[in-house]
PDB file of N, CA and C in Angstrom:
ATOM      1  N   MET A   1     -10.436-110.104-201.542  1.00  0.00           N
ATOM      2  CA  MET A   1      -9.734-110.882-200.726  1.00  0.00           C
ATOM      3  C   MET A   1     -11.042-112.220-200.346  1.00  0.00           C
ATOM      4  N   THR A   2     -10.686-113.098-200.587  1.00  0.00           N
ATOM      5  CA  THR A   2     -12.108-114.508-200.050  1.00  0.00           C
ATOM      6  C   THR A   2     -10.943-115.183-199.062  1.00  0.00           C
ATOM      7  N   VAL A   3     -11.945-116.065-198.507  1.00  0.00           N
ATOM      8  CA  VAL A   3     -11.384-117.037-197.774  1.00  0.00           C
ATOM      9  C   VAL A   3     -12.114-118.163-197.777  1.00  0.00           C
ATOM     10  N   GLU A   4     -11.425-119.657-198.036  1.00  0.00           N
ATOM     11  CA  GLU A   4     -11.961-120.639-198.152  1.00  0.00           C
ATOM     12  C   GLU A   4     -11.745-121.760-197.414  1.00  0.00           C
ATOM     13  N   ASN A   5     -12.758-122.391-197.187  1.00  0.00           N
ATOM     14  CA  ASN A   5     -12.685-123.363-195.899  1.00  0.00           C
ATOM     15  C   ASN A   5     -12.108-123.186-194.878  1.00  0.00           C
ATOM     16  N   PRO A   6     -12.690-121.947-193.671  1.00  0.00           N
ATOM     17  CA  PRO A   6     -12.326-121.629-192.602  1.00  0.00           C
ATOM     18  C   PRO A   6     -12.636-122.568-191.238  1.00  0.00           C
ATOM     19  N   ARG A   7     -11.722-122.998-191.012  1.00  0.00           N
ATOM     20  CA  ARG A   7     -11.693-124.180-189.718  1.00  0.00           C
ATOM     21  C   ARG A   7     -11.070-123.628-188.318  1.00  0.00           C
ATOM     22  N   MET A   8     -11.617-123.826-187.215  1.00  0.00           N
ATOM     23  CA  MET A   8     -10.615-123.826-186.155  1.00  0.00           C
ATOM     24  C   MET A   8     -10.472-125.193-185.709  1.00  0.00           C
ATOM     25  N   ARG A   9      -9.433-125.765-185.041  1.00  0.00           N
ATOM     26  CA  ARG A   9      -9.567-126.814-184.622  1.00  0.00           C
ATOM     27  C   ARG A   9      -8.929-126.900-183.334  1.00  0.00           C
ATOM     28  N   LEU A  10     -10.137-127.780-182.395  1.00  0.00           N
ATOM     29  CA  LEU A  10     -10.230-127.140-180.672  1.00  0.00           C
ATOM     30  C   LEU A  10      -9.682-129.078-180.322  1.00  0.00           C
ATOM     31  N   ILE A  11      -8.769-129.341-179.583  1.00  0.00           N
ATOM     32  CA  ILE A  11      -8.044-129.973-179.380  1.00  0.00           C
ATOM     33  C   ILE A  11      -9.175-130.318-177.520  1.00  0.00           C
ATOM     34  N   ILE A  12      -8.662-129.585-176.815  1.00  0.00           N
ATOM     35  CA  ILE A  12      -9.384-129.271-175.577  1.00  0.00           C
ATOM     36  C   ILE A  12      -9.048-127.309-175.171  1.00  0.00           C
ATOM     37  N   LYS A  13     -10.006-127.039-174.270  1.00  0.00           N
ATOM     38  CA  LYS A  13      -9.761-125.938-174.666  1.00  0.00           C
ATOM     39  C   LYS A  13      -8.749-125.332-173.438  1.00  0.00           C
ATOM     40  N   SER A  14      -7.971-126.086-172.780  1.00  0.00           N
ATOM     41  CA  SER A  14      -7.104-125.325-172.087  1.00  0.00           C
ATOM     42  C   SER A  14      -5.359-125.411-173.166  1.00  0.00           C
ATOM     43  N   ARG A  15      -5.464-125.706-174.410  1.00  0.00           N
ATOM     44  CA  ARG A  15      -4.566-125.889-175.402  1.00  0.00           C
ATOM     45  C   ARG A  15      -5.136-124.792-176.019  1.00  0.00           C
ATOM     46  N   PRO A  16      -3.838-124.231-177.141  1.00  0.00           N
ATOM     47  CA  PRO A  16      -4.594-123.518-177.971  1.00  0.00           C
ATOM     48  C   PRO A  16      -4.828-124.440-179.095  1.00  0.00           C
ATOM     49  N   ALA A  17      -5.660-123.645-180.133  1.00  0.00           N
ATOM     50  CA  ALA A  17      -6.708-123.988-181.001  1.00  0.00           C
ATOM     51  C   ALA A  17      -6.029-123.571-182.601  1.00  0.00           C
ATOM     52  N   GLY A  18      -5.984-124.542-183.296  1.00  0.00           N
ATOM     53  CA  GLY A  18      -5.139-124.323-185.101  1.00  0.00           C
ATOM     54  C   GLY A  18      -6.686-123.474-185.943  1.00  0.00           C
ATOM     55  N   GLY A  19      -5.844-122.507-186.509  1.00  0.00           N
ATOM     56  CA  GLY A  19      -6.645-122.146-187.663  1.00  0.00           C
ATOM     57  C   GLY A  19      -6.361-122.092-189.105  1.00  0.00           C
ATOM     58  N   TYR A  20      -7.468-122.924-189.753  1.00  0.00           N
ATOM     59  CA  TYR A  20      -6.467-123.319-191.185  1.00  0.00           C
ATOM     60  C   TYR A  20      -7.707-122.720-192.184  1.00  0.00           C
ATOM     61  N   PHE A  21      -6.846-122.377-193.178  1.00  0.00           N
ATOM     62  CA  PHE A  21      -8.187-121.423-194.505  1.00  0.00           C
ATOM     63  C   PHE A  21      -7.014-121.107-195.868  1.00  0.00           C
ATOM     64  N   VAL A  22      -7.506-121.086-196.631  1.00  0.00           N
ATOM     65  CA  VAL A  22      -7.245-120.666-198.087  1.00  0.00           C
ATOM     66  C   VAL A  22      -7.332-118.875-197.925  1.00  0.00           C
ATOM     67  N   LEU A  23      -6.399-118.820-198.220  1.00  0.00           N
ATOM     68  CA  LEU A  23      -6.912-116.929-198.311  1.00  0.00           C
ATOM     69  C   LEU A  23      -6.295-116.609-199.957  1.00  0.00           C
ATOM     70  N   HIS A  24      -7.332-116.249-200.691  1.00  0.00           N
ATOM     71  CA  HIS A  24      -7.137-115.737-201.973  1.00  0.00           C
ATOM     72  C   HIS A  24      -6.891-114.398-202.157  1.00  0.00           C
ATOM     73  N   ASN A  25      -6.138-114.158-203.359  1.00  0.00           N
ATOM     74  CA  ASN A  25      -5.864-112.180-203.301  1.00  0.00           C
ATOM     75  C   ASN A  25      -6.260-112.472-204.764  1.00  0.00           C
ATOM     76  N   ASN A  26      -7.650-111.599-205.075  1.00  0.00           N
ATOM     77  CA  ASN A  26      -7.825-111.433-206.106  1.00  0.00           C
ATOM     78  C   ASN A  26      -8.035-110.378-206.509  1.00  0.00           C
ATOM     79  N   THR A  27      -6.867-109.478-206.520  1.00  0.00           N
ATOM     80  CA  THR A  27      -6.822-108.256-206.746  1.00  0.00           C
ATOM     81  C   THR A  27      -5.160-107.916-207.412  1.00  0.00           C
ATOM     82  N   ASP A  28      -4.831-106.746-208.278  1.00  0.00           N
ATOM     83  CA  ASP A  28      -3.936-106.899-209.185  1.00  0.00           C
ATOM     84  C   ASP A  28      -2.629-106.439-207.929  1.00  0.00           C
ATOM     85  N   ALA A  29      -2.863-106.350-206.217  1.00  0.00           N
ATOM     86  CA  ALA A  29      -1.421-106.022-205.741  1.00  0.00           C
ATOM     87  C   ALA A  29      -1.511-107.140-204.837  1.00  0.00           C
ATOM     88  N   PRO A  30      -0.420-107.086-204.487  1.00  0.00           N
ATOM     89  CA  PRO A  30       0.109-108.057-203.576  1.00  0.00           C
ATOM     90  C   PRO A  30      -0.141-107.454-202.194  1.00  0.00           C
ATOM     91  N   VAL A  31      -0.358-108.498-201.024  1.00  0.00           N
ATOM     92  CA  VAL A  31      -0.884-108.045-199.964  1.00  0.00           C
ATOM     93  C   VAL A  31      -0.696-109.007-199.038  1.00  0.00           C
ATOM     94  N   THR A  32      -0.206-107.570-197.580  1.00  0.00           N
ATOM     95  CA  THR A  32       0.530-108.439-196.704  1.00  0.00           C
ATOM     96  C   THR A  32      -0.350-108.872-195.613  1.00  0.00           C
ATOM     97  N   LEU A  33      -0.879-110.320-194.827  1.00  0.00           N
ATOM     98  CA  LEU A  33      -1.579-110.278-193.862  1.00  0.00           C
ATOM     99  C   LEU A  33      -0.159-110.203-192.594  1.00  0.00           C
ATOM    100  N   THR A  34      -0.799-109.436-191.994  1.00  0.00           N
ATOM    101  CA  THR A  34       0.239-109.289-190.333  1.00  0.00           C
ATOM    102  C   THR A  34      -0.565-109.750-189.213  1.00  0.00           C
ATOM    103  N   GLY A  35      -1.821-110.392-189.012  1.00  0.00           N
ATOM    104  CA  GLY A  35      -2.547-110.560-187.967  1.00  0.00           C
ATOM    105  C   GLY A  35      -3.897-110.793-187.669  1.00  0.00           C
ATOM    106  N   ALA A  36      -4.450-111.363-186.647  1.00  0.00           N
ATOM    107  CA  ALA A  36      -5.831-111.594-186.704  1.00  0.00           C
ATOM    108  C   ALA A  36      -6.088-111.669-185.395  1.00  0.00           C
ATOM    109  N   SER A  37      -7.541-111.893-185.583  1.00  0.00           N
ATOM    110  CA  SER A  37      -7.959-111.267-183.631  1.00  0.00           C
ATOM    111  C   SER A  37      -9.488-111.857-183.806  1.00  0.00           C
ATOM    112  N   SER A  38      -9.687-112.184-182.097  1.00  0.00           N
ATOM    113  CA  SER A  38     -11.280-113.026-181.910  1.00  0.00           C
ATOM    114  C   SER A  38     -11.692-112.736-180.733  1.00  0.00           C
ATOM    115  N   ILE A  39     -13.121-112.421-180.432  1.00  0.00           N
ATOM    116  CA  ILE A  39     -13.849-112.894-179.481  1.00  0.00           C
ATOM    117  C   ILE A  39     -13.260-114.038-178.506  1.00  0.00           C
ATOM    118  N   ALA A  40     -13.349-115.244-179.885  1.00  0.00           N
ATOM    119  CA  ALA A  40     -13.250-116.181-178.993  1.00  0.00           C
ATOM    120  C   ALA A  40     -11.824-117.068-178.873  1.00  0.00           C
ATOM    121  N   CYS A  41     -10.959-115.698-179.074  1.00  0.00           N
ATOM    122  CA  CYS A  41      -9.660-116.138-178.619  1.00  0.00           C
ATOM    123  C   CYS A  41      -8.862-115.259-177.884  1.00  0.00           C
ATOM    124  N   GLY A  42      -8.243-115.269-176.882  1.00  0.00           N
ATOM    125  CA  GLY A  42      -7.501-114.439-175.642  1.00  0.00           C
ATOM    126  C   GLY A  42      -6.604-113.641-176.742  1.00  0.00           C
ATOM    127  N   SER A  43      -5.830-114.525-177.610  1.00  0.00           N
ATOM    128  CA  SER A  43      -4.717-113.574-178.534  1.00  0.00           C
ATOM    129  C   SER A  43      -4.751-114.849-180.237  1.00  0.00           C
ATOM    130  N   ILE A  44      -4.899-113.787-181.255  1.00  0.00           N
ATOM    131  CA  ILE A  44      -4.227-114.637-181.956  1.00  0.00           C
ATOM    132  C   ILE A  44      -2.829-114.370-182.332  1.00  0.00           C
ATOM    133  N   MET A  45      -1.708-115.737-182.954  1.00  0.00           N
ATOM    134  CA  MET A  45      -0.165-115.608-183.879  1.00  0.00           C
ATOM    135  C   MET A  45      -0.606-116.289-184.965  1.00  0.00           C
ATOM    136  N   LEU A  46       0.029-115.628-186.184  1.00  0.00           N
ATOM    137  CA  LEU A  46       0.256-116.153-187.039  1.00  0.00           C
ATOM    138  C   LEU A  46       1.534-117.067-186.876  1.00  0.00           C
ATOM    139  N   HIS A  47       1.716-118.454-187.109  1.00  0.00           N
ATOM    140  CA  HIS A  47       2.206-119.328-187.141  1.00  0.00           C
ATOM    141  C   HIS A  47       3.082-120.320-188.525  1.00  0.00           C
ATOM    142  N   GLN A  48       3.860-121.056-188.294  1.00  0.00           N
ATOM    143  CA  GLN A  48       4.474-121.667-189.503  1.00  0.00           C
ATOM    144  C   GLN A  48       5.150-122.634-188.859  1.00  0.00           C
ATOM    145  N   SER A  49       5.058-123.834-189.449  1.00  0.00           N
ATOM    146  CA  SER A  49       5.675-125.347-188.945  1.00  0.00           C
ATOM    147  C   SER A  49       6.668-125.368-189.888  1.00  0.00           C
ATOM    148  N   LYS A  50       7.283-125.593-189.415  1.00  0.00           N
ATOM    149  CA  LYS A  50       9.142-125.570-190.401  1.00  0.00           C
ATOM    150  C   LYS A  50      10.000-126.936-189.352  1.00  0.00           C
ATOM    151  N   GLU A  51      10.746-127.687-190.563  1.00  0.00           N
ATOM    152  CA  GLU A  51      11.944-128.304-190.034  1.00  0.00           C
ATOM    153  C   GLU A  51      12.964-127.768-189.350  1.00  0.00           C
ATOM    154  N   VAL A  52      13.516-127.701-188.266  1.00  0.00           N
ATOM    155  CA  VAL A  52      14.399-127.380-187.727  1.00  0.00           C
ATOM    156  C   VAL A  52      15.887-128.478-187.510  1.00  0.00           C
ATOM    157  N   ASN A  53      16.626-128.424-187.844  1.00  0.00           N
ATOM    158  CA  ASN A  53      18.153-129.644-187.468  1.00  0.00           C
ATOM    159  C   ASN A  53      16.692-130.397-187.323  1.00  0.00           C
ATOM    160  N   GLY A  54      15.967-131.444-188.257  1.00  0.00           N
ATOM    161  CA  GLY A  54      15.657-132.346-188.339  1.00  0.00           C
ATOM    162  C   GLY A  54      14.162-132.747-186.898  1.00  0.00           C
ATOM    163  N   VAL A  55      13.949-131.179-186.634  1.00  0.00           N
ATOM    164  CA  VAL A  55      13.095-131.426-185.414  1.00  0.00           C
ATOM    165  C   VAL A  55      11.764-130.031-186.236  1.00  0.00           C
ATOM    166  N   GLU A  56      10.310-131.304-185.956  1.00  0.00           N
ATOM    167  CA  GLU A  56       9.638-130.312-186.690  1.00  0.00           C
ATOM    168  C   GLU A  56       9.388-129.008-185.459  1.00  0.00           C
ATOM    169  N   LYS A  57       8.970-127.689-185.700  1.00  0.00           N
ATOM    170  CA  LYS A  57       8.994-126.884-184.441  1.00  0.00           C
ATOM    171  C   LYS A  57       7.848-125.547-185.380  1.00  0.00           C
ATOM    172  N   MET A  58       6.701-125.102-184.436  1.00  0.00           N
ATOM    173  CA  MET A  58       5.750-124.016-184.871  1.00  0.00           C
ATOM    174  C   MET A  58       6.830-122.639-184.259  1.00  0.00           C
ATOM    175  N   LEU A  59       6.856-121.826-185.315  1.00  0.00           N
ATOM    176  CA  LEU A  59       7.398-120.672-184.976  1.00  0.00           C
ATOM    177  C   LEU A  59       6.470-119.585-185.667  1.00  0.00           C
ATOM    178  N   PRO A  60       6.619-118.521-184.548  1.00  0.00           N
ATOM    179  CA  PRO A  60       5.631-117.440-184.907  1.00  0.00           C
ATOM    180  C   PRO A  60       6.502-116.640-186.096  1.00  0.00           C
ATOM    181  N   VAL A  61       5.654-115.761-187.078  1.00  0.00           N
ATOM    182  CA  VAL A  61       5.399-115.049-188.191  1.00  0.00           C
ATOM    183  C   VAL A  61       5.262-114.024-187.961  1.00  0.00           C
ATOM    184  N   LYS A  62       5.671-112.326-188.528  1.00  0.00           N
ATOM    185  CA  LYS A  62       5.554-111.496-187.882  1.00  0.00           C
ATOM    186  C   LYS A  62       4.391-111.133-189.036  1.00  0.00           C
ATOM    187  N   SER A  63       4.426-111.776-190.674  1.00  0.00           N
ATOM    188  CA  SER A  63       3.664-111.502-191.657  1.00  0.00           C
ATOM    189  C   SER A  63       3.561-112.825-192.752  1.00  0.00           C
ATOM    190  N   VAL A  64       2.768-112.604-193.404  1.00  0.00           N
ATOM    191  CA  VAL A  64       2.048-113.663-194.297  1.00  0.00           C
ATOM    192  C   VAL A  64       2.128-112.891-195.799  1.00  0.00           C
ATOM    193  N   PRO A  65       2.960-112.729-196.724  1.00  0.00           N
ATOM    194  CA  PRO A  65       3.143-112.359-198.042  1.00  0.00           C
ATOM    195  C   PRO A  65       1.851-113.095-199.078  1.00  0.00           C
ATOM    196  N   ILE A  66       0.616-112.284-199.700  1.00  0.00           N
ATOM    197  CA  ILE A  66      -0.411-112.903-200.872  1.00  0.00           C
ATOM    198  C   ILE A  66       0.475-112.000-201.977  1.00  0.00           C
ATOM    199  N   PRO A  67       0.631-112.951-203.094  1.00  0.00           N
ATOM    200  CA  PRO A  67       1.183-112.576-204.399  1.00  0.00           C
ATOM    201  C   PRO A  67      -0.333-111.144-205.253  1.00  0.00           C
ATOM    202  N   ALA A  68      -0.421-111.229-205.706  1.00  0.00           N
ATOM    203  CA  ALA A  68      -1.439-110.190-206.470  1.00  0.00           C
ATOM    204  C   ALA A  68      -2.353-111.297-207.290  1.00  0.00           C
ATOM    205  N   HIS A  69      -3.129-111.710-207.552  1.00  0.00           N
ATOM    206  CA  HIS A  69      -3.966-113.038-207.871  1.00  0.00           C
ATOM    207  C   HIS A  69      -3.477-114.258-207.512  1.00  0.00           C
ATOM    208  N   GLY A  70      -2.973-114.778-206.207  1.00  0.00           N
ATOM    209  CA  GLY A  70      -2.036-115.520-205.529  1.00  0.00           C
ATOM    210  C   GLY A  70      -3.265-116.057-204.352  1.00  0.00           C
ATOM    211  N   THR A  71      -2.611-116.746-203.701  1.00  0.00           N
ATOM    212  CA  THR A  71      -2.900-117.303-202.326  1.00  0.00           C
ATOM    213  C   THR A  71      -2.297-117.929-201.501  1.00  0.00           C
ATOM    214  N   ALA A  72      -2.941-117.807-200.340  1.00  0.00           N
ATOM    215  CA  ALA A  72      -1.418-118.550-199.070  1.00  0.00           C
ATOM    216  C   ALA A  72      -2.602-119.425-198.486  1.00  0.00           C
ATOM    217  N   VAL A  73      -1.908-120.618-198.602  1.00  0.00           N
ATOM    218  CA  VAL A  73      -1.981-122.107-197.665  1.00  0.00           C
ATOM    219  C   VAL A  73      -1.848-121.883-196.376  1.00  0.00           C
ATOM    220  N   PHE A  74      -3.326-122.329-195.243  1.00  0.00           N
ATOM    221  CA  PHE A  74      -2.893-122.232-193.779  1.00  0.00           C
ATOM    222  C   PHE A  74      -3.340-123.488-193.700  1.00  0.00           C
ATOM    223  N   GLN A  75      -2.822-124.487-193.344  1.00  0.00           N
ATOM    224  CA  GLN A  75      -2.555-125.988-192.691  1.00  0.00           C
ATOM    225  C   GLN A  75      -1.909-126.238-192.498  1.00  0.00           C
ATOM    226  N   THR A  76      -2.424-127.665-191.843  1.00  0.00           N
ATOM    227  CA  THR A  76      -1.496-128.543-190.850  1.00  0.00           C
ATOM    228  C   THR A  76       0.119-128.700-191.413  1.00  0.00           C
ATOM    229  N   GLY A  77       1.099-128.307-191.171  1.00  0.00           N
ATOM    230  CA  GLY A  77       2.443-128.364-191.594  1.00  0.00           C
ATOM    231  C   GLY A  77       3.123-126.990-192.401  1.00  0.00           C
ATOM    232  N   GLY A  78       2.069-126.121-192.169  1.00  0.00           N
ATOM    233  CA  GLY A  78       2.867-124.752-192.866  1.00  0.00           C
ATOM    234  C   GLY A  78       2.268-123.973-191.912  1.00  0.00           C
ATOM    235  N   TYR A  79       1.495-122.964-192.654  1.00  0.00           N
ATOM    236  CA  TYR A  79       1.213-121.931-191.886  1.00  0.00           C
ATOM    237  C   TYR A  79      -0.304-121.737-191.101  1.00  0.00           C
ATOM    238  N   HIS A  80      -0.392-120.990-189.850  1.00  0.00           N
ATOM    239  CA  HIS A  80      -1.606-121.672-189.527  1.00  0.00           C
ATOM    240  C   HIS A  80      -1.931-120.809-188.502  1.00  0.00           C
ATOM    241  N   LEU A  81      -3.347-120.455-187.635  1.00  0.00           N
ATOM    242  CA  LEU A  81      -3.104-119.250-187.056  1.00  0.00           C
ATOM    243  C   LEU A  81      -3.260-119.994-185.538  1.00  0.00           C
ATOM    244  N   MET A  82      -2.467-119.438-184.246  1.00  0.00           N
ATOM    245  CA  MET A  82      -2.947-119.971-183.328  1.00  0.00           C
ATOM    246  C   MET A  82      -3.723-119.390-182.402  1.00  0.00           C
ATOM    247  N   CYS A  83      -4.559-120.029-182.067  1.00  0.00           N
ATOM    248  CA  CYS A  83      -5.900-118.989-181.134  1.00  0.00           C
ATOM    249  C   CYS A  83      -5.532-119.532-179.852  1.00  0.00           C
ATOM    250  N   MET A  84      -4.398-118.492-178.566  1.00  0.00           N
ATOM    251  CA  MET A  84      -4.290-118.881-177.632  1.00  0.00           C
ATOM    252  C   MET A  84      -5.266-118.555-176.526  1.00  0.00           C
ATOM    253  N   LYS A  85      -5.590-119.061-175.772  1.00  0.00           N
ATOM    254  CA  LYS A  85      -6.533-119.378-174.640  1.00  0.00           C
ATOM    255  C   LYS A  85      -8.043-119.246-175.155  1.00  0.00           C
ATOM    256  N   PRO A  86      -8.092-120.710-175.962  1.00  0.00           N
ATOM    257  CA  PRO A  86     -10.125-120.560-176.473  1.00  0.00           C
ATOM    258  C   PRO A  86     -10.693-119.774-175.279  1.00  0.00           C
ATOM    259  N   GLN A  87     -11.849-119.297-175.637  1.00  0.00           N
ATOM    260  CA  GLN A  87     -12.949-118.827-174.782  1.00  0.00           C
ATOM    261  C   GLN A  87     -14.135-119.329-175.000  1.00  0.00           C
ATOM    262  N   SER A  88     -14.963-119.074-174.234  1.00  0.00           N
ATOM    263  CA  SER A  88     -16.238-120.265-174.230  1.00  0.00           C
ATOM    264  C   SER A  88     -17.185-120.415-175.344  1.00  0.00           C
ATOM    265  N   THR A  89     -16.902-119.349-176.586  1.00  0.00           N
ATOM    266  CA  THR A  89     -17.879-119.427-177.245  1.00  0.00           C
ATOM    267  C   THR A  89     -16.944-120.357-178.342  1.00  0.00           C
ATOM    268  N   MET A  90     -15.931-120.731-177.844  1.00  0.00           N
ATOM    269  CA  MET A  90     -15.396-122.066-178.819  1.00  0.00           C
ATOM    270  C   MET A  90     -15.634-122.917-178.419  1.00  0.00           C
ATOM    271  N   THR A  91     -16.901-123.410-179.513  1.00  0.00           N
ATOM    272  CA  THR A  91     -17.513-124.823-179.375  1.00  0.00           C
ATOM    273  C   THR A  91     -17.332-125.853-180.337  1.00  0.00           C
ATOM    274  N   ILE A  92     -17.488-126.637-180.486  1.00  0.00           N
ATOM    275  CA  ILE A  92     -17.196-127.810-181.518  1.00  0.00           C
ATOM    276  C   ILE A  92     -18.874-127.638-182.651  1.00  0.00           C
ATOM    277  N   GLY A  93     -18.838-127.658-183.775  1.00  0.00           N
ATOM    278  CA  GLY A  93     -20.094-127.449-184.626  1.00  0.00           C
ATOM    279  C   GLY A  93     -20.250-126.063-184.526  1.00  0.00           C
ATOM    280  N   GLN A  94     -19.918-124.984-183.888  1.00  0.00           N
ATOM    281  CA  GLN A  94     -20.103-123.787-184.063  1.00  0.00           C
ATOM    282  C   GLN A  94     -19.643-122.739-184.995  1.00  0.00           C
ATOM    283  N   ASP A  95     -19.732-121.649-185.466  1.00  0.00           N
ATOM    284  CA  ASP A  95     -18.920-120.914-186.104  1.00  0.00           C
ATOM    285  C   ASP A  95     -18.501-119.901-185.150  1.00  0.00           C
ATOM    286  N   VAL A  96     -17.000-119.058-185.321  1.00  0.00           N
ATOM    287  CA  VAL A  96     -16.296-118.011-184.301  1.00  0.00           C
ATOM    288  C   VAL A  96     -15.467-117.319-185.722  1.00  0.00           C
ATOM    289  N   PRO A  97     -16.031-115.917-185.163  1.00  0.00           N
ATOM    290  CA  PRO A  97     -15.919-114.760-186.116  1.00  0.00           C
ATOM    291  C   PRO A  97     -14.212-114.545-185.997  1.00  0.00           C
ATOM    292  N   ILE A  98     -13.644-114.273-186.899  1.00  0.00           N
ATOM    293  CA  ILE A  98     -12.131-114.146-186.761  1.00  0.00           C
ATOM    294  C   ILE A  98     -11.871-112.895-188.049  1.00  0.00           C
ATOM    295  N   VAL A  99     -10.893-112.285-187.499  1.00  0.00           N
ATOM    296  CA  VAL A  99     -10.855-110.802-188.016  1.00  0.00           C
ATOM    297  C   VAL A  99      -9.285-110.949-188.674  1.00  0.00           C
ATOM    298  N   LEU A 100      -9.075-111.054-189.696  1.00  0.00           N
ATOM    299  CA  LEU A 100      -7.963-110.912-190.659  1.00  0.00           C
ATOM    300  C   LEU A 100      -7.906-109.834-190.931  1.00  0.00           C
ATOM    301  N   LYS A 101      -5.906-109.095-190.478  1.00  0.00           N
ATOM    302  CA  LYS A 101      -6.134-107.385-190.354  1.00  0.00           C
ATOM    303  C   LYS A 101      -4.810-107.981-191.608  1.00  0.00           C
ATOM    304  N   PHE A 102      -4.456-106.455-192.103  1.00  0.00           N
ATOM    305  CA  PHE A 102      -3.899-106.578-193.321  1.00  0.00           C
ATOM    306  C   PHE A 102      -2.562-105.638-192.880  1.00  0.00           C
ATOM    307  N   ALA A 103      -1.407-105.282-193.899  1.00  0.00           N
ATOM    308  CA  ALA A 103      -0.366-104.142-193.573  1.00  0.00           C
ATOM    309  C   ALA A 103      -0.826-103.021-193.741  1.00  0.00           C
ATOM    310  N   ASP A 104      -2.001-102.834-195.011  1.00  0.00           N
ATOM    311  CA  ASP A 104      -2.117-101.636-195.693  1.00  0.00           C
ATOM    312  C   ASP A 104      -3.406-101.143-194.277  1.00  0.00           C
ATOM    313  N   GLY A 105      -3.532-101.660-193.667  1.00  0.00           N
ATOM    314  CA  GLY A 105      -4.846-100.904-192.744  1.00  0.00           C
ATOM    315  C   GLY A 105      -6.233-101.773-192.218  1.00  0.00           C
ATOM    316  N   LYS A 106      -6.456-102.498-193.788  1.00  0.00           N
ATOM    317  CA  LYS A 106      -7.643-102.994-194.043  1.00  0.00           C
ATOM    318  C   LYS A 106      -7.829-104.336-192.867  1.00  0.00           C
ATOM    319  N   THR A 107      -9.007-104.522-192.864  1.00  0.00           N
ATOM    320  CA  THR A 107      -9.407-105.952-192.518  1.00  0.00           C
ATOM    321  C   THR A 107     -10.472-106.933-192.924  1.00  0.00           C
ATOM    322  N   MET A 108     -10.703-107.926-192.769  1.00  0.00           N
ATOM    323  CA  MET A 108     -11.443-108.861-193.151  1.00  0.00           C
ATOM    324  C   MET A 108     -12.492-109.766-192.062  1.00  0.00           C
ATOM    325  N   THR A 109     -13.622-109.824-191.579  1.00  0.00           N
ATOM    326  CA  THR A 109     -13.698-111.187-190.823  1.00  0.00           C
ATOM    327  C   THR A 109     -14.616-112.678-191.716  1.00  0.00           C
ATOM    328  N   ALA A 110     -14.177-113.455-191.003  1.00  0.00           N
ATOM    329  CA  ALA A 110     -14.841-114.828-191.636  1.00  0.00           C
ATOM    330  C   ALA A 110     -14.999-115.162-190.426  1.00  0.00           C
ATOM    331  N   GLN A 111     -15.940-116.492-191.109  1.00  0.00           N
ATOM    332  CA  GLN A 111     -16.555-117.141-190.253  1.00  0.00           C
ATOM    333  C   GLN A 111     -16.251-118.873-189.908  1.00  0.00           C
ATOM    334  N   PHE A 112     -15.130-118.998-188.967  1.00  0.00           N
ATOM    335  CA  PHE A 112     -14.216-119.852-188.873  1.00  0.00           C
ATOM    336  C   PHE A 112     -15.057-121.563-188.191  1.00  0.00           C
ATOM    337  N   ARG A 113     -15.194-122.542-188.839  1.00  0.00           N
ATOM    338  CA  ARG A 113     -16.258-123.777-188.282  1.00  0.00           C
ATOM    339  C   ARG A 113     -15.328-124.165-187.089  1.00  0.00           C
ATOM    340  N   VAL A 114     -16.029-124.225-185.851  1.00  0.00           N
ATOM    341  CA  VAL A 114     -14.961-125.059-185.150  1.00  0.00           C
ATOM    342  C   VAL A 114     -15.204-126.440-185.282  1.00  0.00           C
ATOM    343  N   GLU A 115     -13.738-127.696-185.337  1.00  0.00           N
ATOM    344  CA  GLU A 115     -13.764-128.595-185.743  1.00  0.00           C
ATOM    345  C   GLU A 115     -12.823-129.178-183.887  1.00  0.00           C
ATOM    346  N   GLY A 116     -13.286-130.950-184.331  1.00  0.00           N
ATOM    347  CA  GLY A 116     -12.699-131.309-182.751  1.00  0.00           C
ATOM    348  C   GLY A 116     -10.982-131.615-183.675  1.00  0.00           C
ATOM    349  N   PRO A 117     -10.362-132.518-182.865  1.00  0.00           N
ATOM    350  CA  PRO A 117      -9.165-133.407-183.163  1.00  0.00           C
ATOM    351  C   PRO A 117      -9.229-133.529-184.343  1.00  0.00           C
ATOM    352  N   SER A 118     -10.201-134.566-184.472  1.00  0.00           N
ATOM    353  CA  SER A 118     -10.313-134.987-186.048  1.00  0.00           C
ATOM    354  C   SER A 118     -10.632-134.434-187.494  1.00  0.00           C
ATOM    355  N   GLY A 119     -11.106-133.434-187.286  1.00  0.00           N
ATOM    356  CA  GLY A 119     -11.450-132.637-188.134  1.00  0.00           C
ATOM    357  C   GLY A 119     -13.277-132.264-188.529  1.00  0.00           C
ATOM    358  N   GLN A 120     -13.681-133.115-187.479  1.00  0.00           N
ATOM    359  CA  GLN A 120     -15.051-133.346-187.207  1.00  0.00           C
ATOM    360  C   GLN A 120     -16.109-132.548-186.777  1.00  0.00           C
TER     361      GLN A 120
END
């Protein structure tokens, strides 16, 4: 498994931050992302943006499947991480560790660059 372009978008500290990245499954078996955690967040939820009855909504999801030799894209308007209660370590221009958790019990940690509202 590899993580490409990991970043957290922080609007203001009193609002959730969004996590975006591409997760590559370089193995011969499918895997399932079931959660995430970080010392930089009070909690992290898996979310997916969807249009429901003409209204864009962010809905929690329990898991995200990644096929063998496939990818899952976490981006604005699709799957993303929601960092609830960003902590003082969530500072624009710094990296924060995010632990990705999988259904098989394995984890991996990636450093996510904290960006401001415009992605800078």
